[in-house]
């Protein structure tokens, strides 16, 4: 039985078929289309670049290659990693704000 006949009989759901098609698209394709949409909407070039770079960083970190690869867990893992990097780069790692001894031995009120 051909696909057209199977669709006609309701054995193939066209919506599921479209979702599966979209899921096979590469992130490169999707990002290029999204970038074009942002540019067409006259978004500032720095905003476009930062947005695309940020999405690409998430995809690279989580190992997303196609739309179907995208998971909330992968994005959340990237967010945790980003928070940890930010905390590590904060001066004194916030010890002063938390009332822990500063490098001079003094404490700040909490």
PDB file of N, CA and C in Angstrom:
ATOM      1  N   UNK A   1       0.844  -1.175   0.000  1.00  0.00           N
ATOM      2  CA  UNK A   1       0.000   0.000   0.000  1.00  0.00           C
ATOM      3  C   UNK A   1       0.894   1.245   0.000  1.00  0.00           C
ATOM      4  N   UNK A   2       0.603   2.159  -0.884  1.00  0.00           N
ATOM      5  CA  UNK A   2       1.397   3.373  -1.005  1.00  0.00           C
ATOM      6  C   UNK A   2       1.056   4.362   0.105  1.00  0.00           C
ATOM      7  N   UNK A   3       1.985   5.280   0.359  1.00  0.00           N
ATOM      8  CA  UNK A   3       1.811   6.264   1.429  1.00  0.00           C
ATOM      9  C   UNK A   3       0.558   7.097   1.226  1.00  0.00           C
ATOM     10  N   UNK A   4       0.263   7.482  -0.015  1.00  0.00           N
ATOM     11  CA  UNK A   4      -0.925   8.290  -0.283  1.00  0.00           C
ATOM     12  C   UNK A   4      -2.187   7.546   0.126  1.00  0.00           C
ATOM     13  N   UNK A   5      -2.264   6.278  -0.223  1.00  0.00           N
ATOM     14  CA  UNK A   5      -3.421   5.456   0.138  1.00  0.00           C
ATOM     15  C   UNK A   5      -3.497   5.280   1.657  1.00  0.00           C
ATOM     16  N   UNK A   6      -2.343   5.110   2.294  1.00  0.00           N
ATOM     17  CA  UNK A   6      -2.323   4.947   3.753  1.00  0.00           C
ATOM     18  C   UNK A   6      -2.804   6.223   4.441  1.00  0.00           C
ATOM     19  N   UNK A   7      -2.419   7.389   3.900  1.00  0.00           N
ATOM     20  CA  UNK A   7      -2.901   8.660   4.455  1.00  0.00           C
ATOM     21  C   UNK A   7      -4.419   8.758   4.297  1.00  0.00           C
ATOM     22  N   UNK A   8      -4.899   8.398   3.136  1.00  0.00           N
ATOM     23  CA  UNK A   8      -6.329   8.467   2.840  1.00  0.00           C
ATOM     24  C   UNK A   8      -7.128   7.591   3.802  1.00  0.00           C
ATOM     25  N   UNK A   9      -6.587   6.444   4.148  1.00  0.00           N
ATOM     26  CA  UNK A   9      -7.270   5.522   5.064  1.00  0.00           C
ATOM     27  C   UNK A   9      -7.061   5.904   6.532  1.00  0.00           C
ATOM     28  N   UNK A  10      -6.239   6.929   6.761  1.00  0.00           N
ATOM     29  CA  UNK A  10      -6.001   7.367   8.131  1.00  0.00           C
ATOM     30  C   UNK A  10      -4.941   6.561   8.860  1.00  0.00           C
ATOM     31  N   UNK A  11      -4.194   5.760   8.109  1.00  0.00           N
ATOM     32  CA  UNK A  11      -3.143   4.950   8.726  1.00  0.00           C
ATOM     33  C   UNK A  11      -1.877   5.757   8.978  1.00  0.00           C
ATOM     34  N   UNK A  12      -1.734   6.853   8.246  1.00  0.00           N
ATOM     35  CA  UNK A  12      -0.615   7.775   8.457  1.00  0.00           C
ATOM     36  C   UNK A  12      -1.217   9.112   8.853  1.00  0.00           C
ATOM     37  N   UNK A  13      -0.784   9.638   9.994  1.00  0.00           N
ATOM     38  CA  UNK A  13      -1.256  10.931  10.474  1.00  0.00           C
ATOM     39  C   UNK A  13      -0.378  12.027   9.860  1.00  0.00           C
ATOM     40  N   UNK A  14      -0.958  12.883   9.007  1.00  0.00           N
ATOM     41  CA  UNK A  14      -0.157  13.925   8.361  1.00  0.00           C
ATOM     42  C   UNK A  14       0.540  14.858   9.352  1.00  0.00           C
ATOM     43  N   UNK A  15      -0.095  15.110  10.494  1.00  0.00           N
ATOM     44  CA  UNK A  15       0.534  15.983  11.499  1.00  0.00           C
ATOM     45  C   UNK A  15       1.786  15.320  12.066  1.00  0.00           C
ATOM     46  N   UNK A  16       1.683  14.027  12.365  1.00  0.00           N
ATOM     47  CA  UNK A  16       2.843  13.308  12.887  1.00  0.00           C
ATOM     48  C   UNK A  16       3.954  13.244  11.844  1.00  0.00           C
ATOM     49  N   UNK A  17       3.551  13.102  10.603  1.00  0.00           N
ATOM     50  CA  UNK A  17       4.517  13.058   9.511  1.00  0.00           C
ATOM     51  C   UNK A  17       5.273  14.390   9.402  1.00  0.00           C
ATOM     52  N   UNK A  18       4.555  15.516   9.539  1.00  0.00           N
ATOM     53  CA  UNK A  18       5.194  16.849   9.491  1.00  0.00           C
ATOM     54  C   UNK A  18       6.131  17.039  10.675  1.00  0.00           C
ATOM     55  N   UNK A  19       5.690  16.592  11.859  1.00  0.00           N
ATOM     56  CA  UNK A  19       6.552  16.698  13.039  1.00  0.00           C
ATOM     57  C   UNK A  19       7.836  15.888  12.860  1.00  0.00           C
ATOM     58  N   UNK A  20       7.708  14.705  12.310  1.00  0.00           N
ATOM     59  CA  UNK A  20       8.880  13.866  12.079  1.00  0.00           C
ATOM     60  C   UNK A  20       9.816  14.529  11.076  1.00  0.00           C
ATOM     61  N   UNK A  21       9.242  15.150  10.050  1.00  0.00           N
ATOM     62  CA  UNK A  21      10.053  15.879   9.059  1.00  0.00           C
ATOM     63  C   UNK A  21      10.833  17.007   9.714  1.00  0.00           C
ATOM     64  N   UNK A  22      10.145  17.786  10.535  1.00  0.00           N
ATOM     65  CA  UNK A  22      10.805  18.899  11.223  1.00  0.00           C
ATOM     66  C   UNK A  22      11.893  18.395  12.160  1.00  0.00           C
ATOM     67  N   UNK A  23      11.636  17.280  12.808  1.00  0.00           N
ATOM     68  CA  UNK A  23      12.607  16.718  13.740  1.00  0.00           C
ATOM     69  C   UNK A  23      13.903  16.293  13.076  1.00  0.00           C
ATOM     70  N   UNK A  24      13.833  15.975  11.795  1.00  0.00           N
ATOM     71  CA  UNK A  24      15.042  15.563  11.062  1.00  0.00           C
ATOM     72  C   UNK A  24      15.862  16.748  10.564  1.00  0.00           C
ATOM     73  N   UNK A  25      15.315  17.963  10.638  1.00  0.00           N
ATOM     74  CA  UNK A  25      16.060  19.140  10.179  1.00  0.00           C
ATOM     75  C   UNK A  25      17.282  19.351  11.062  1.00  0.00           C
ATOM     76  N   UNK A  26      18.381  19.763  10.447  1.00  0.00           N
ATOM     77  CA  UNK A  26      19.584  20.040  11.237  1.00  0.00           C
ATOM     78  C   UNK A  26      19.415  21.384  11.946  1.00  0.00           C
ATOM     79  N   UNK A  27      20.120  21.520  13.049  1.00  0.00           N
ATOM     80  CA  UNK A  27      20.066  22.797  13.758  1.00  0.00           C
ATOM     81  C   UNK A  27      20.670  23.913  12.921  1.00  0.00           C
ATOM     82  N   UNK A  28      21.631  23.568  12.072  1.00  0.00           N
ATOM     83  CA  UNK A  28      22.203  24.566  11.170  1.00  0.00           C
ATOM     84  C   UNK A  28      21.134  25.167  10.269  1.00  0.00           C
ATOM     85  N   UNK A  29      20.271  24.309   9.723  1.00  0.00           N
ATOM     86  CA  UNK A  29      19.168  24.788   8.869  1.00  0.00           C
ATOM     87  C   UNK A  29      18.221  25.685   9.660  1.00  0.00           C
ATOM     88  N   UNK A  30      17.856  25.224  10.835  1.00  0.00           N
ATOM     89  CA  UNK A  30      16.888  25.949  11.660  1.00  0.00           C
ATOM     90  C   UNK A  30      17.463  27.290  12.107  1.00  0.00           C
ATOM     91  N   UNK A  31      18.729  27.282  12.527  1.00  0.00           N
ATOM     92  CA  UNK A  31      19.359  28.532  12.963  1.00  0.00           C
ATOM     93  C   UNK A  31      19.495  29.522  11.815  1.00  0.00           C
ATOM     94  N   UNK A  32      19.793  29.022  10.622  1.00  0.00           N
ATOM     95  CA  UNK A  32      19.897  29.916   9.463  1.00  0.00           C
ATOM     96  C   UNK A  32      18.540  30.561   9.167  1.00  0.00           C
ATOM     97  N   UNK A  33      17.478  29.777   9.261  1.00  0.00           N
ATOM     98  CA  UNK A  33      16.133  30.316   9.023  1.00  0.00           C
ATOM     99  C   UNK A  33      15.753  31.310  10.119  1.00  0.00           C
ATOM    100  N   UNK A  34      16.109  30.990  11.371  1.00  0.00           N
ATOM    101  CA  UNK A  34      15.792  31.887  12.482  1.00  0.00           C
ATOM    102  C   UNK A  34      16.579  33.190  12.360  1.00  0.00           C
ATOM    103  N   UNK A  35      17.835  33.083  11.980  1.00  0.00           N
ATOM    104  CA  UNK A  35      18.660  34.278  11.788  1.00  0.00           C
ATOM    105  C   UNK A  35      18.066  35.163  10.687  1.00  0.00           C
ATOM    106  N   UNK A  36      17.634  34.551   9.597  1.00  0.00           N
ATOM    107  CA  UNK A  36      17.021  35.309   8.505  1.00  0.00           C
ATOM    108  C   UNK A  36      15.740  36.001   8.985  1.00  0.00           C
ATOM    109  N   UNK A  37      14.977  35.316   9.823  1.00  0.00           N
ATOM    110  CA  UNK A  37      13.750  35.909  10.365  1.00  0.00           C
ATOM    111  C   UNK A  37      14.071  37.111  11.250  1.00  0.00           C
ATOM    112  N   UNK A  38      15.090  36.990  12.091  1.00  0.00           N
ATOM    113  CA  UNK A  38      15.489  38.103  12.951  1.00  0.00           C
ATOM    114  C   UNK A  38      15.947  39.302  12.125  1.00  0.00           C
ATOM    115  N   UNK A  39      16.736  39.030  11.098  1.00  0.00           N
ATOM    116  CA  UNK A  39      17.217  40.111  10.231  1.00  0.00           C
ATOM    117  C   UNK A  39      16.054  40.768   9.481  1.00  0.00           C
ATOM    118  N   UNK A  40      15.114  39.960   8.998  1.00  0.00           N
ATOM    119  CA  UNK A  40      13.948  40.492   8.280  1.00  0.00           C
ATOM    120  C   UNK A  40      13.089  41.358   9.198  1.00  0.00           C
ATOM    121  N   UNK A  41      13.127  41.065  10.501  1.00  0.00           N
ATOM    122  CA  UNK A  41      12.370  41.845  11.480  1.00  0.00           C
ATOM    123  C   UNK A  41      13.158  43.069  11.943  1.00  0.00           C
ATOM    124  N   UNK A  42      14.274  43.355  11.258  1.00  0.00           N
ATOM    125  CA  UNK A  42      15.127  44.512  11.548  1.00  0.00           C
ATOM    126  C   UNK A  42      15.676  44.527  12.972  1.00  0.00           C
ATOM    127  N   UNK A  43      16.004  43.343  13.485  1.00  0.00           N
ATOM    128  CA  UNK A  43      16.651  43.287  14.794  1.00  0.00           C
ATOM    129  C   UNK A  43      18.076  43.797  14.646  1.00  0.00           C
ATOM    130  N   UNK A  44      18.595  44.381  15.706  1.00  0.00           N
ATOM    131  CA  UNK A  44      19.944  44.936  15.680  1.00  0.00           C
ATOM    132  C   UNK A  44      20.939  43.809  15.383  1.00  0.00           C
ATOM    133  N   UNK A  45      21.932  44.061  14.532  1.00  0.00           N
ATOM    134  CA  UNK A  45      22.906  43.011  14.184  1.00  0.00           C
ATOM    135  C   UNK A  45      23.599  42.373  15.396  1.00  0.00           C
ATOM    136  N   UNK A  46      23.872  43.177  16.436  1.00  0.00           N
ATOM    137  CA  UNK A  46      24.492  42.591  17.641  1.00  0.00           C
ATOM    138  C   UNK A  46      23.537  41.640  18.345  1.00  0.00           C
ATOM    139  N   UNK A  47      22.246  41.987  18.362  1.00  0.00           N
ATOM    140  CA  UNK A  47      21.246  41.112  18.967  1.00  0.00           C
ATOM    141  C   UNK A  47      21.168  39.797  18.191  1.00  0.00           C
ATOM    142  N   UNK A  48      21.141  39.905  16.870  1.00  0.00           N
ATOM    143  CA  UNK A  48      21.070  38.708  16.025  1.00  0.00           C
ATOM    144  C   UNK A  48      22.277  37.807  16.294  1.00  0.00           C
ATOM    145  N   UNK A  49      23.463  38.394  16.251  1.00  0.00           N
ATOM    146  CA  UNK A  49      24.685  37.610  16.459  1.00  0.00           C
ATOM    147  C   UNK A  49      24.717  36.975  17.848  1.00  0.00           C
ATOM    148  N   UNK A  50      24.371  37.751  18.867  1.00  0.00           N
ATOM    149  CA  UNK A  50      24.402  37.223  20.236  1.00  0.00           C
ATOM    150  C   UNK A  50      23.385  36.093  20.412  1.00  0.00           C
ATOM    151  N   UNK A  51      22.208  36.266  19.852  1.00  0.00           N
ATOM    152  CA  UNK A  51      21.157  35.251  19.975  1.00  0.00           C
ATOM    153  C   UNK A  51      21.571  33.957  19.296  1.00  0.00           C
ATOM    154  N   UNK A  52      22.044  34.061  18.059  1.00  0.00           N
ATOM    155  CA  UNK A  52      22.457  32.865  17.321  1.00  0.00           C
ATOM    156  C   UNK A  52      23.642  32.192  18.009  1.00  0.00           C
ATOM    157  N   UNK A  53      24.606  32.976  18.468  1.00  0.00           N
ATOM    158  CA  UNK A  53      25.768  32.406  19.167  1.00  0.00           C
ATOM    159  C   UNK A  53      25.364  31.703  20.453  1.00  0.00           C
ATOM    160  N   UNK A  54      24.423  32.282  21.178  1.00  0.00           N
ATOM    161  CA  UNK A  54      23.978  31.680  22.430  1.00  0.00           C
ATOM    162  C   UNK A  54      23.278  30.347  22.162  1.00  0.00           C
ATOM    163  N   UNK A  55      22.393  30.335  21.180  1.00  0.00           N
ATOM    164  CA  UNK A  55      21.701  29.088  20.830  1.00  0.00           C
ATOM    165  C   UNK A  55      22.710  28.035  20.370  1.00  0.00           C
ATOM    166  N   UNK A  56      23.680  28.445  19.559  1.00  0.00           N
ATOM    167  CA  UNK A  56      24.697  27.507  19.074  1.00  0.00           C
ATOM    168  C   UNK A  56      25.522  26.958  20.232  1.00  0.00           C
ATOM    169  N   UNK A  57      25.828  27.804  21.216  1.00  0.00           N
ATOM    170  CA  UNK A  57      26.585  27.349  22.389  1.00  0.00           C
ATOM    171  C   UNK A  57      25.821  26.277  23.158  1.00  0.00           C
ATOM    172  N   UNK A  58      24.528  26.496  23.325  1.00  0.00           N
ATOM    173  CA  UNK A  58      23.687  25.505  24.009  1.00  0.00           C
ATOM    174  C   UNK A  58      23.701  24.202  23.224  1.00  0.00           C
ATOM    175  N   UNK A  59      23.490  24.297  21.913  1.00  0.00           N
ATOM    176  CA  UNK A  59      23.445  23.102  21.070  1.00  0.00           C
ATOM    177  C   UNK A  59      24.776  22.347  21.120  1.00  0.00           C
ATOM    178  N   UNK A  60      25.879  23.067  21.045  1.00  0.00           N
ATOM    179  CA  UNK A  60      27.199  22.429  21.084  1.00  0.00           C
ATOM    180  C   UNK A  60      27.430  21.732  22.421  1.00  0.00           C
ATOM    181  N   UNK A  61      27.090  22.420  23.508  1.00  0.00           N
ATOM    182  CA  UNK A  61      27.296  21.873  24.842  1.00  0.00           C
ATOM    183  C   UNK A  61      26.460  20.615  25.072  1.00  0.00           C
ATOM    184  N   UNK A  62      25.224  20.642  24.592  1.00  0.00           N
ATOM    185  CA  UNK A  62      24.303  19.530  24.825  1.00  0.00           C
ATOM    186  C   UNK A  62      24.397  18.441  23.757  1.00  0.00           C
ATOM    187  N   UNK A  63      25.130  18.717  22.690  1.00  0.00           N
ATOM    188  CA  UNK A  63      25.257  17.725  21.628  1.00  0.00           C
ATOM    189  C   UNK A  63      24.041  17.630  20.723  1.00  0.00           C
ATOM    190  N   UNK A  64      23.291  18.726  20.611  1.00  0.00           N
ATOM    191  CA  UNK A  64      22.125  18.744  19.727  1.00  0.00           C
ATOM    192  C   UNK A  64      22.590  18.920  18.278  1.00  0.00           C
ATOM    193  N   UNK A  65      22.156  18.030  17.405  1.00  0.00           N
ATOM    194  CA  UNK A  65      22.481  18.144  15.988  1.00  0.00           C
ATOM    195  C   UNK A  65      21.242  18.358  15.126  1.00  0.00           C
ATOM    196  N   UNK A  66      20.124  17.787  15.563  1.00  0.00           N
ATOM    197  CA  UNK A  66      18.859  17.957  14.844  1.00  0.00           C
ATOM    198  C   UNK A  66      17.814  18.489  15.819  1.00  0.00           C
ATOM    199  N   UNK A  67      16.699  18.931  15.277  1.00  0.00           N
ATOM    200  CA  UNK A  67      15.616  19.440  16.119  1.00  0.00           C
ATOM    201  C   UNK A  67      15.152  18.351  17.089  1.00  0.00           C
ATOM    202  N   UNK A  68      15.106  17.111  16.623  1.00  0.00           N
ATOM    203  CA  UNK A  68      14.653  16.004  17.472  1.00  0.00           C
ATOM    204  C   UNK A  68      15.589  15.755  18.655  1.00  0.00           C
ATOM    205  N   UNK A  69      16.827  16.209  18.568  1.00  0.00           N
ATOM    206  CA  UNK A  69      17.789  16.018  19.659  1.00  0.00           C
ATOM    207  C   UNK A  69      17.529  16.940  20.845  1.00  0.00           C
ATOM    208  N   UNK A  70      16.810  18.025  20.630  1.00  0.00           N
ATOM    209  CA  UNK A  70      16.635  19.040  21.672  1.00  0.00           C
ATOM    210  C   UNK A  70      15.803  18.487  22.825  1.00  0.00           C
ATOM    211  N   UNK A  71      16.353  18.631  24.029  1.00  0.00           N
ATOM    212  CA  UNK A  71      15.641  18.212  25.236  1.00  0.00           C
ATOM    213  C   UNK A  71      15.771  19.296  26.299  1.00  0.00           C
ATOM    214  N   UNK A  72      14.809  19.330  27.173  1.00  0.00           N
ATOM    215  CA  UNK A  72      14.873  20.273  28.293  1.00  0.00           C
ATOM    216  C   UNK A  72      16.076  19.943  29.177  1.00  0.00           C
ATOM    217  N   UNK A  73      16.366  18.668  29.363  1.00  0.00           N
ATOM    218  CA  UNK A  73      17.504  18.269  30.198  1.00  0.00           C
ATOM    219  C   UNK A  73      18.817  18.819  29.649  1.00  0.00           C
ATOM    220  N   UNK A  74      18.986  18.773  28.330  1.00  0.00           N
ATOM    221  CA  UNK A  74      20.207  19.298  27.727  1.00  0.00           C
ATOM    222  C   UNK A  74      20.348  20.790  27.926  1.00  0.00           C
ATOM    223  N   UNK A  75      19.245  21.512  27.769  1.00  0.00           N
ATOM    224  CA  UNK A  75      19.266  22.969  27.965  1.00  0.00           C
ATOM    225  C   UNK A  75      19.507  23.291  29.435  1.00  0.00           C
ATOM    226  N   UNK A  76      18.852  22.555  30.331  1.00  0.00           N
ATOM    227  CA  UNK A  76      19.036  22.797  31.765  1.00  0.00           C
ATOM    228  C   UNK A  76      20.468  22.504  32.212  1.00  0.00           C
ATOM    229  N   UNK A  77      21.071  21.464  31.656  1.00  0.00           N
ATOM    230  CA  UNK A  77      22.463  21.153  31.999  1.00  0.00           C
ATOM    231  C   UNK A  77      23.374  22.301  31.579  1.00  0.00           C
ATOM    232  N   UNK A  78      23.094  22.894  30.420  1.00  0.00           N
ATOM    233  CA  UNK A  78      23.879  24.044  29.964  1.00  0.00           C
ATOM    234  C   UNK A  78      23.690  25.216  30.926  1.00  0.00           C
ATOM    235  N   UNK A  79      22.459  25.447  31.370  1.00  0.00           N
ATOM    236  CA  UNK A  79      22.178  26.558  32.293  1.00  0.00           C
ATOM    237  C   UNK A  79      22.933  26.372  33.606  1.00  0.00           C
ATOM    238  N   UNK A  80      22.960  25.157  34.120  1.00  0.00           N
ATOM    239  CA  UNK A  80      23.688  24.881  35.360  1.00  0.00           C
ATOM    240  C   UNK A  80      25.180  25.134  35.152  1.00  0.00           C
ATOM    241  N   UNK A  81      25.701  24.653  34.029  1.00  0.00           N
ATOM    242  CA  UNK A  81      27.116  24.861  33.708  1.00  0.00           C
ATOM    243  C   UNK A  81      27.437  26.355  33.616  1.00  0.00           C
ATOM    244  N   UNK A  82      26.562  27.110  32.991  1.00  0.00           N
ATOM    245  CA  UNK A  82      26.765  28.546  32.847  1.00  0.00           C
ATOM    246  C   UNK A  82      26.741  29.234  34.212  1.00  0.00           C
ATOM    247  N   UNK A  83      25.796  28.850  35.070  1.00  0.00           N
ATOM    248  CA  UNK A  83      25.737  29.426  36.418  1.00  0.00           C
ATOM    249  C   UNK A  83      27.005  29.127  37.202  1.00  0.00           C
ATOM    250  N   UNK A  84      27.503  27.896  37.076  1.00  0.00           N
ATOM    251  CA  UNK A  84      28.721  27.527  37.797  1.00  0.00           C
ATOM    252  C   UNK A  84      29.914  28.345  37.314  1.00  0.00           C
ATOM    253  N   UNK A  85      29.994  28.566  36.020  1.00  0.00           N
ATOM    254  CA  UNK A  85      31.089  29.384  35.480  1.00  0.00           C
ATOM    255  C   UNK A  85      30.991  30.813  35.985  1.00  0.00           C
ATOM    256  N   UNK A  86      29.775  31.341  36.046  1.00  0.00           N
ATOM    257  CA  UNK A  86      29.589  32.711  36.535  1.00  0.00           C
ATOM    258  C   UNK A  86      29.968  32.816  38.000  1.00  0.00           C
ATOM    259  N   UNK A  87      29.550  31.845  38.804  1.00  0.00           N
ATOM    260  CA  UNK A  87      29.887  31.867  40.227  1.00  0.00           C
ATOM    261  C   UNK A  87      31.391  31.812  40.424  1.00  0.00           C
ATOM    262  N   UNK A  88      32.065  30.973  39.639  1.00  0.00           N
ATOM    263  CA  UNK A  88      33.518  30.846  39.753  1.00  0.00           C
ATOM    264  C   UNK A  88      34.228  32.129  39.376  1.00  0.00           C
ATOM    265  N   UNK A  89      33.605  32.949  38.525  1.00  0.00           N
ATOM    266  CA  UNK A  89      34.281  34.158  38.074  1.00  0.00           C
ATOM    267  C   UNK A  89      33.965  35.380  38.930  1.00  0.00           C
ATOM    268  N   UNK A  90      33.028  35.256  39.868  1.00  0.00           N
ATOM    269  CA  UNK A  90      32.699  36.395  40.721  1.00  0.00           C
ATOM    270  C   UNK A  90      33.832  36.646  41.708  1.00  0.00           C
ATOM    271  N   UNK A  91      34.218  37.914  41.884  1.00  0.00           N
ATOM    272  CA  UNK A  91      35.298  38.223  42.835  1.00  0.00           C
ATOM    273  C   UNK A  91      34.954  37.743  44.237  1.00  0.00           C
ATOM    274  N   UNK A  92      35.864  37.011  44.832  1.00  0.00           N
ATOM    275  CA  UNK A  92      35.664  36.533  46.186  1.00  0.00           C
ATOM    276  C   UNK A  92      34.568  35.503  46.307  1.00  0.00           C
ATOM    277  N   UNK A  93      34.022  35.077  45.165  1.00  0.00           N
ATOM    278  CA  UNK A  93      32.957  34.085  45.110  1.00  0.00           C
ATOM    279  C   UNK A  93      31.835  34.398  46.084  1.00  0.00           C
ATOM    280  N   UNK A  94      31.529  35.667  46.233  1.00  0.00           N
ATOM    281  CA  UNK A  94      30.419  36.165  47.051  1.00  0.00           C
ATOM    282  C   UNK A  94      30.606  35.948  48.546  1.00  0.00           C
ATOM    283  N   UNK A  95      31.787  35.559  48.974  1.00  0.00           N
ATOM    284  CA  UNK A  95      32.000  35.333  50.401  1.00  0.00           C
ATOM    285  C   UNK A  95      31.778  36.603  51.210  1.00  0.00           C
ATOM    286  N   UNK A  96      32.164  37.754  50.653  1.00  0.00           N
ATOM    287  CA  UNK A  96      32.001  39.013  51.375  1.00  0.00           C
ATOM    288  C   UNK A  96      30.529  39.318  51.599  1.00  0.00           C
ATOM    289  N   UNK A  97      29.728  39.090  50.612  1.00  0.00           N
ATOM    290  CA  UNK A  97      28.302  39.390  50.724  1.00  0.00           C
ATOM    291  C   UNK A  97      27.646  38.469  51.739  1.00  0.00           C
ATOM    292  N   UNK A  98      28.143  37.242  51.851  1.00  0.00           N
ATOM    293  CA  UNK A  98      27.542  36.271  52.756  1.00  0.00           C
ATOM    294  C   UNK A  98      28.054  36.425  54.185  1.00  0.00           C
ATOM    295  N   UNK A  99      28.906  37.400  54.431  1.00  0.00           N
ATOM    296  CA  UNK A  99      29.378  37.647  55.790  1.00  0.00           C
ATOM    297  C   UNK A  99      30.583  36.810  56.172  1.00  0.00           C
ATOM    298  N   UNK A 100      31.155  36.102  55.204  1.00  0.00           N
ATOM    299  CA  UNK A 100      32.351  35.325  55.501  1.00  0.00           C
ATOM    300  C   UNK A 100      33.553  36.259  55.497  1.00  0.00           C
ATOM    301  N   UNK A 101      34.633  35.855  56.110  1.00  0.00           N
ATOM    302  CA  UNK A 101      35.802  36.737  56.183  1.00  0.00           C
ATOM    303  C   UNK A 101      36.301  37.184  54.809  1.00  0.00           C
ATOM    304  N   UNK A 102      36.558  38.464  54.713  1.00  0.00           N
ATOM    305  CA  UNK A 102      37.155  39.019  53.494  1.00  0.00           C
ATOM    306  C   UNK A 102      38.641  38.723  53.536  1.00  0.00           C
ATOM    307  N   UNK A 103      39.326  39.033  52.475  1.00  0.00           N
ATOM    308  CA  UNK A 103      40.755  38.724  52.415  1.00  0.00           C
ATOM    309  C   UNK A 103      41.539  39.469  53.493  1.00  0.00           C
ATOM    310  N   UNK A 104      41.033  40.600  53.984  1.00  0.00           N
ATOM    311  CA  UNK A 104      41.755  41.365  55.002  1.00  0.00           C
ATOM    312  C   UNK A 104      41.463  40.840  56.410  1.00  0.00           C
ATOM    313  N   UNK A 105      40.585  39.838  56.498  1.00  0.00           N
ATOM    314  CA  UNK A 105      40.256  39.295  57.804  1.00  0.00           C
ATOM    315  C   UNK A 105      39.017  39.934  58.406  1.00  0.00           C
ATOM    316  N   UNK A 106      38.486  40.963  57.775  1.00  0.00           N
ATOM    317  CA  UNK A 106      37.287  41.617  58.300  1.00  0.00           C
ATOM    318  C   UNK A 106      36.043  40.957  57.745  1.00  0.00           C
ATOM    319  N   UNK A 107      34.938  41.162  58.425  1.00  0.00           N
ATOM    320  CA  UNK A 107      33.658  40.701  57.903  1.00  0.00           C
ATOM    321  C   UNK A 107      32.765  41.890  57.645  1.00  0.00           C
ATOM    322  N   UNK A 108      31.864  41.703  56.758  1.00  0.00           N
ATOM    323  CA  UNK A 108      30.882  42.742  56.462  1.00  0.00           C
ATOM    324  C   UNK A 108      29.564  42.353  57.101  1.00  0.00           C
ATOM    325  N   UNK A 109      28.805  43.335  57.522  1.00  0.00           N
ATOM    326  CA  UNK A 109      27.510  43.015  58.147  1.00  0.00           C
ATOM    327  C   UNK A 109      26.578  42.377  57.113  1.00  0.00           C
ATOM    328  N   UNK A 110      25.749  41.470  57.602  1.00  0.00           N
ATOM    329  CA  UNK A 110      24.773  40.811  56.710  1.00  0.00           C
ATOM    330  C   UNK A 110      23.419  41.409  56.835  1.00  0.00           C
TER     331      UNK A 110
END
